[in-house]
Amino acid sequence: MNRKFFQQQSGFIASYILYGIGLLAIVGAAYARLSTNTQQGQSVQDTVNEVAVQLEVIKGKIMLCAAVYPDGDHAQFDTRHAYPAPATAGNIAVISAVACPTPNGPLSLALMPDGIPLPVSPPDFEEWVYEHTEAGGIRLRLIPRLSGGAAATRERLLRQYDGSIIANGDEIVFAVLN
């Protein structure tokens, strides 16, 4: 009788051990999923922070251009002559093709006397795009490398810069000057 009793107890104990292992597996899977979501959220926030820093650097270069060379004239339209304009024809270009109008000729924003290089585009985005409109507005655009890409980053930026940013399809448009 003792032997049968011990067999029943050992079966009972084994079932609890298996039950405990199952619970640990479920908790482990939930923790792994939570950790992955946290890492993805941190990655998005890191990109948003990087965009914020890059935006300030580029805005600073734009304002510095007009401050250091107030008599500059990009000769493209009748507004904001001292501000940078695309070095090519038209009013939209990637930021590396934008020049500050100086009395000695166009000077790339990358070569401004602040000593700060132009930022490399944030992950998942093409190079920053600069737009100087005929009405005098200056905009910076971020375009995802893939159609519909960087949606979480775009949504977080829209919340963070509410009022000074708009979404134009997949593009994010920052108003620098109106």
C-alpha atoms as a PDB file:
ATOM      1  CA  MET A   1       0.000   0.000   0.000  1.00  0.00           C
ATOM      2  CA  ASN A   2       2.866   2.390   0.731  1.00  0.00           C
ATOM      3  CA  ARG A   3       4.263   1.774  -2.721  1.00  0.00           C
ATOM      4  CA  LYS A   4       0.957   2.697  -4.409  1.00  0.00           C
ATOM      5  CA  PHE A   5       0.682   5.767  -2.209  1.00  0.00           C
ATOM      6  CA  PHE A   6       4.197   6.913  -3.206  1.00  0.00           C
ATOM      7  CA  GLN A   7       3.416   6.368  -6.898  1.00  0.00           C
ATOM      8  CA  GLN A   8       0.282   8.502  -6.632  1.00  0.00           C
ATOM      9  CA  GLN A   9       2.167  11.228  -4.805  1.00  0.00           C
ATOM     10  CA  SER A  10       5.054  11.217  -7.269  1.00  0.00           C
ATOM     11  CA  GLY A  11       2.581  11.475 -10.177  1.00  0.00           C
ATOM     12  CA  PHE A  12       0.845  14.314  -8.397  1.00  0.00           C
ATOM     13  CA  ILE A  13       4.191  16.089  -7.787  1.00  0.00           C
ATOM     14  CA  ALA A  14       5.279  15.516 -11.392  1.00  0.00           C
ATOM     15  CA  SER A  15       2.078  17.129 -12.673  1.00  0.00           C
ATOM     16  CA  TYR A  16       2.723  20.209 -10.505  1.00  0.00           C
ATOM     17  CA  ILE A  17       6.304  20.400 -11.772  1.00  0.00           C
ATOM     18  CA  LEU A  18       5.088  20.251 -15.373  1.00  0.00           C
ATOM     19  CA  TYR A  19       2.443  22.859 -14.588  1.00  0.00           C
ATOM     20  CA  GLY A  20       5.163  25.114 -13.105  1.00  0.00           C
ATOM     21  CA  ILE A  21       7.374  24.656 -16.167  1.00  0.00           C
ATOM     22  CA  GLY A  22       4.433  25.583 -18.410  1.00  0.00           C
ATOM     23  CA  LEU A  23       3.779  28.739 -16.383  1.00  0.00           C
ATOM     24  CA  LEU A  24       7.449  29.705 -16.582  1.00  0.00           C
ATOM     25  CA  ALA A  25       7.372  29.243 -20.362  1.00  0.00           C
ATOM     26  CA  ILE A  26       4.305  31.485 -20.663  1.00  0.00           C
ATOM     27  CA  VAL A  27       5.820  34.160 -18.417  1.00  0.00           C
ATOM     28  CA  GLY A  28       9.113  33.939 -20.343  1.00  0.00           C
ATOM     29  CA  ALA A  29       7.340  34.370 -23.679  1.00  0.00           C
ATOM     30  CA  ALA A  30       5.362  37.350 -22.355  1.00  0.00           C
ATOM     31  CA  TYR A  31       8.529  38.944 -20.992  1.00  0.00           C
ATOM     32  CA  ALA A  32      10.345  38.407 -24.311  1.00  0.00           C
ATOM     33  CA  ARG A  33       7.476  40.057 -26.186  1.00  0.00           C
ATOM     34  CA  LEU A  34       7.412  42.967 -23.738  1.00  0.00           C
ATOM     35  CA  SER A  35      11.169  43.350 -24.049  1.00  0.00           C
ATOM     36  CA  THR A  36      10.935  43.371 -27.861  1.00  0.00           C
ATOM     37  CA  ASN A  37       8.171  45.995 -27.785  1.00  0.00           C
ATOM     38  CA  THR A  38      10.228  48.094 -25.371  1.00  0.00           C
ATOM     39  CA  GLN A  39      13.270  47.847 -27.647  1.00  0.00           C
ATOM     40  CA  GLN A  40      11.196  48.840 -30.680  1.00  0.00           C
ATOM     41  CA  GLY A  41       9.724  51.777 -28.764  1.00  0.00           C
ATOM     42  CA  GLN A  42      13.194  52.850 -27.650  1.00  0.00           C
ATOM     43  CA  SER A  43      14.449  52.624 -31.240  1.00  0.00           C
ATOM     44  CA  VAL A  44      11.610  54.872 -32.420  1.00  0.00           C
ATOM     45  CA  GLN A  45      12.318  57.356 -29.610  1.00  0.00           C
ATOM     46  CA  ASP A  46      16.026  57.347 -30.470  1.00  0.00           C
ATOM     47  CA  THR A  47      15.144  58.224 -34.080  1.00  0.00           C
ATOM     48  CA  VAL A  48      12.764  60.979 -32.921  1.00  0.00           C
ATOM     49  CA  ASN A  49      15.522  62.419 -30.705  1.00  0.00           C
ATOM     50  CA  GLU A  50      17.986  62.257 -33.592  1.00  0.00           C
ATOM     51  CA  VAL A  51      15.516  64.043 -35.892  1.00  0.00           C
ATOM     52  CA  ALA A  52      15.062  66.773 -33.253  1.00  0.00           C
ATOM     53  CA  VAL A  53      18.817  67.364 -33.009  1.00  0.00           C
ATOM     54  CA  GLN A  54      19.284  67.336 -36.782  1.00  0.00           C
ATOM     55  CA  LEU A  55      16.378  69.723 -37.242  1.00  0.00           C
ATOM     56  CA  GLU A  56      17.957  72.216 -34.828  1.00  0.00           C
ATOM     57  CA  VAL A  57      21.355  71.955 -36.552  1.00  0.00           C
ATOM     58  CA  ILE A  58      19.855  72.596 -39.988  1.00  0.00           C
ATOM     59  CA  LYS A  59      17.642  75.437 -38.712  1.00  0.00           C
ATOM     60  CA  GLY A  60      20.705  76.984 -37.079  1.00  0.00           C
ATOM     61  CA  LYS A  61      22.613  76.865 -40.376  1.00  0.00           C
ATOM     62  CA  ILE A  62      19.691  78.482 -42.213  1.00  0.00           C
ATOM     63  CA  MET A  63      19.451  81.322 -39.684  1.00  0.00           C
ATOM     64  CA  LEU A  64      23.237  81.710 -39.563  1.00  0.00           C
ATOM     65  CA  CYS A  65      23.332  82.161 -43.312  1.00  0.00           C
ATOM     66  CA  ALA A  66      21.001  85.169 -43.163  1.00  0.00           C
ATOM     67  CA  ALA A  67      22.766  86.589 -40.092  1.00  0.00           C
ATOM     68  CA  VAL A  68      26.327  86.305 -41.404  1.00  0.00           C
ATOM     69  CA  TYR A  69      25.509  87.303 -44.990  1.00  0.00           C
ATOM     70  CA  PRO A  70      22.543  89.712 -44.699  1.00  0.00           C
ATOM     71  CA  ASP A  71      23.344  91.272 -48.076  1.00  0.00           C
ATOM     72  CA  GLY A  72      23.294  87.930 -49.868  1.00  0.00           C
ATOM     73  CA  ASP A  73      20.873  87.449 -52.735  1.00  0.00           C
ATOM     74  CA  HIS A  74      19.944  84.041 -54.140  1.00  0.00           C
ATOM     75  CA  ALA A  75      18.237  85.833 -57.060  1.00  0.00           C
ATOM     76  CA  GLN A  76      15.572  83.159 -57.347  1.00  0.00           C
ATOM     77  CA  PHE A  77      12.511  85.084 -56.156  1.00  0.00           C
ATOM     78  CA  ASP A  78      11.644  88.366 -54.476  1.00  0.00           C
ATOM     79  CA  THR A  79      11.542  87.149 -50.889  1.00  0.00           C
ATOM     80  CA  ARG A  80      14.084  86.371 -48.185  1.00  0.00           C
ATOM     81  CA  HIS A  81      17.106  87.011 -50.384  1.00  0.00           C
ATOM     82  CA  ALA A  82      19.674  86.360 -47.639  1.00  0.00           C
ATOM     83  CA  TYR A  83      18.351  82.896 -46.834  1.00  0.00           C
ATOM     84  CA  PRO A  84      19.707  79.772 -48.530  1.00  0.00           C
ATOM     85  CA  ALA A  85      18.261  78.486 -51.746  1.00  0.00           C
ATOM     86  CA  PRO A  86      18.840  75.316 -53.744  1.00  0.00           C
ATOM     87  CA  ALA A  87      22.009  75.629 -55.848  1.00  0.00           C
ATOM     88  CA  THR A  88      20.116  74.114 -58.768  1.00  0.00           C
ATOM     89  CA  ALA A  89      17.138  75.535 -60.608  1.00  0.00           C
ATOM     90  CA  GLY A  90      13.870  75.272 -58.730  1.00  0.00           C
ATOM     91  CA  ASN A  91      13.050  75.756 -55.112  1.00  0.00           C
ATOM     92  CA  ILE A  92      13.399  72.215 -53.736  1.00  0.00           C
ATOM     93  CA  ALA A  93      16.626  70.239 -53.286  1.00  0.00           C
ATOM     94  CA  VAL A  94      18.331  67.840 -50.914  1.00  0.00           C
ATOM     95  CA  ILE A  95      20.021  69.740 -48.091  1.00  0.00           C
ATOM     96  CA  SER A  96      23.521  69.001 -49.422  1.00  0.00           C
ATOM     97  CA  ALA A  97      22.639  70.924 -52.620  1.00  0.00           C
ATOM     98  CA  VAL A  98      21.514  74.073 -50.775  1.00  0.00           C
ATOM     99  CA  ALA A  99      23.742  77.133 -50.784  1.00  0.00           C
ATOM    100  CA  CYS A 100      23.924  80.308 -48.770  1.00  0.00           C
ATOM    101  CA  PRO A 101      24.078  83.403 -51.002  1.00  0.00           C
ATOM    102  CA  THR A 102      27.260  85.236 -50.057  1.00  0.00           C
ATOM    103  CA  PRO A 103      28.778  88.320 -51.695  1.00  0.00           C
ATOM    104  CA  ASN A 104      31.556  86.051 -53.030  1.00  0.00           C
ATOM    105  CA  GLY A 105      29.141  83.509 -54.530  1.00  0.00           C
ATOM    106  CA  PRO A 106      27.120  80.581 -53.202  1.00  0.00           C
ATOM    107  CA  LEU A 107      28.482  78.776 -50.138  1.00  0.00           C
ATOM    108  CA  SER A 108      27.242  75.280 -49.279  1.00  0.00           C
ATOM    109  CA  LEU A 109      25.448  75.027 -45.942  1.00  0.00           C
ATOM    110  CA  ALA A 110      27.967  72.332 -45.037  1.00  0.00           C
ATOM    111  CA  LEU A 111      30.750  74.944 -45.246  1.00  0.00           C
ATOM    112  CA  MET A 112      29.120  77.566 -43.029  1.00  0.00           C
ATOM    113  CA  PRO A 113      31.500  79.187 -40.499  1.00  0.00           C
ATOM    114  CA  ASP A 114      29.864  77.391 -37.544  1.00  0.00           C
ATOM    115  CA  GLY A 115      32.135  74.371 -38.077  1.00  0.00           C
ATOM    116  CA  ILE A 116      29.237  71.924 -37.698  1.00  0.00           C
ATOM    117  CA  PRO A 117      28.810  69.402 -40.523  1.00  0.00           C
ATOM    118  CA  LEU A 118      25.447  68.806 -42.125  1.00  0.00           C
ATOM    119  CA  PRO A 119      23.754  65.876 -40.389  1.00  0.00           C
ATOM    120  CA  VAL A 120      23.421  62.541 -42.111  1.00  0.00           C
ATOM    121  CA  SER A 121      19.774  61.645 -42.586  1.00  0.00           C
ATOM    122  CA  PRO A 122      18.110  59.716 -39.757  1.00  0.00           C
ATOM    123  CA  PRO A 123      17.667  55.953 -40.109  1.00  0.00           C
ATOM    124  CA  ASP A 124      14.797  54.920 -42.372  1.00  0.00           C
ATOM    125  CA  PHE A 125      14.712  58.343 -44.103  1.00  0.00           C
ATOM    126  CA  GLU A 126      16.187  59.834 -47.270  1.00  0.00           C
ATOM    127  CA  GLU A 127      18.414  62.916 -47.088  1.00  0.00           C
ATOM    128  CA  TRP A 128      16.684  66.033 -45.699  1.00  0.00           C
ATOM    129  CA  VAL A 129      14.924  68.061 -48.405  1.00  0.00           C
ATOM    130  CA  TYR A 130      14.972  71.872 -48.310  1.00  0.00           C
ATOM    131  CA  GLU A 131      12.221  73.993 -49.860  1.00  0.00           C
ATOM    132  CA  HIS A 132      12.273  77.767 -50.246  1.00  0.00           C
ATOM    133  CA  THR A 133       8.934  78.858 -51.639  1.00  0.00           C
ATOM    134  CA  GLU A 134       8.215  81.928 -53.733  1.00  0.00           C
ATOM    135  CA  ALA A 135       6.007  83.174 -50.898  1.00  0.00           C
ATOM    136  CA  GLY A 136       9.096  83.201 -48.665  1.00  0.00           C
ATOM    137  CA  GLY A 137       8.418  80.106 -46.617  1.00  0.00           C
ATOM    138  CA  ILE A 138      11.197  77.705 -45.764  1.00  0.00           C
ATOM    139  CA  ARG A 139      10.374  74.058 -45.141  1.00  0.00           C
ATOM    140  CA  LEU A 140      12.371  70.942 -44.355  1.00  0.00           C
ATOM    141  CA  ARG A 141      11.041  67.577 -45.462  1.00  0.00           C
ATOM    142  CA  LEU A 142      11.787  64.047 -44.330  1.00  0.00           C
ATOM    143  CA  ILE A 143      10.824  61.284 -46.730  1.00  0.00           C
ATOM    144  CA  PRO A 144      10.930  57.619 -45.657  1.00  0.00           C
ATOM    145  CA  ARG A 145      13.171  55.342 -47.710  1.00  0.00           C
ATOM    146  CA  LEU A 146      10.249  52.930 -48.162  1.00  0.00           C
ATOM    147  CA  SER A 147       6.670  53.821 -48.985  1.00  0.00           C
ATOM    148  CA  GLY A 148       4.730  53.718 -45.716  1.00  0.00           C
ATOM    149  CA  GLY A 149       7.977  53.277 -43.793  1.00  0.00           C
ATOM    150  CA  ALA A 150       8.836  54.779 -40.426  1.00  0.00           C
ATOM    151  CA  ALA A 151       5.150  55.139 -39.541  1.00  0.00           C
ATOM    152  CA  ALA A 152       5.749  54.943 -35.789  1.00  0.00           C
ATOM    153  CA  THR A 153       8.461  57.620 -35.993  1.00  0.00           C
ATOM    154  CA  ARG A 154       6.211  59.834 -38.128  1.00  0.00           C
ATOM    155  CA  GLU A 155       3.334  59.538 -35.659  1.00  0.00           C
ATOM    156  CA  ARG A 156       5.541  60.328 -32.689  1.00  0.00           C
ATOM    157  CA  LEU A 157       7.035  63.358 -34.490  1.00  0.00           C
ATOM    158  CA  LEU A 158       3.545  64.617 -35.341  1.00  0.00           C
ATOM    159  CA  ARG A 159       2.635  64.485 -31.647  1.00  0.00           C
ATOM    160  CA  GLN A 160       5.908  66.057 -30.502  1.00  0.00           C
ATOM    161  CA  TYR A 161       5.855  68.944 -33.001  1.00  0.00           C
ATOM    162  CA  ASP A 162       2.115  69.525 -33.053  1.00  0.00           C
ATOM    163  CA  GLY A 163       1.418  72.761 -34.923  1.00  0.00           C
ATOM    164  CA  SER A 164       4.795  73.188 -36.659  1.00  0.00           C
ATOM    165  CA  ILE A 165       4.784  69.958 -38.626  1.00  0.00           C
ATOM    166  CA  ILE A 166       2.416  68.333 -41.081  1.00  0.00           C
ATOM    167  CA  ALA A 167       2.253  64.972 -42.755  1.00  0.00           C
ATOM    168  CA  ASN A 168       2.028  65.073 -46.523  1.00  0.00           C
ATOM    169  CA  GLY A 169       1.425  61.448 -47.395  1.00  0.00           C
ATOM    170  CA  ASP A 170       4.497  59.622 -46.085  1.00  0.00           C
ATOM    171  CA  GLU A 171       6.499  62.864 -45.925  1.00  0.00           C
ATOM    172  CA  ILE A 172       6.962  64.888 -42.786  1.00  0.00           C
ATOM    173  CA  VAL A 173       7.118  68.661 -43.437  1.00  0.00           C
ATOM    174  CA  PHE A 174       8.660  70.992 -40.844  1.00  0.00           C
ATOM    175  CA  ALA A 175       7.996  74.733 -41.119  1.00  0.00           C
ATOM    176  CA  VAL A 176      11.224  76.669 -40.514  1.00  0.00           C
ATOM    177  CA  LEU A 177       9.956  80.099 -41.612  1.00  0.00           C
ATOM    178  CA  ASN A 178       6.523  81.111 -42.852  1.00  0.00           C
END
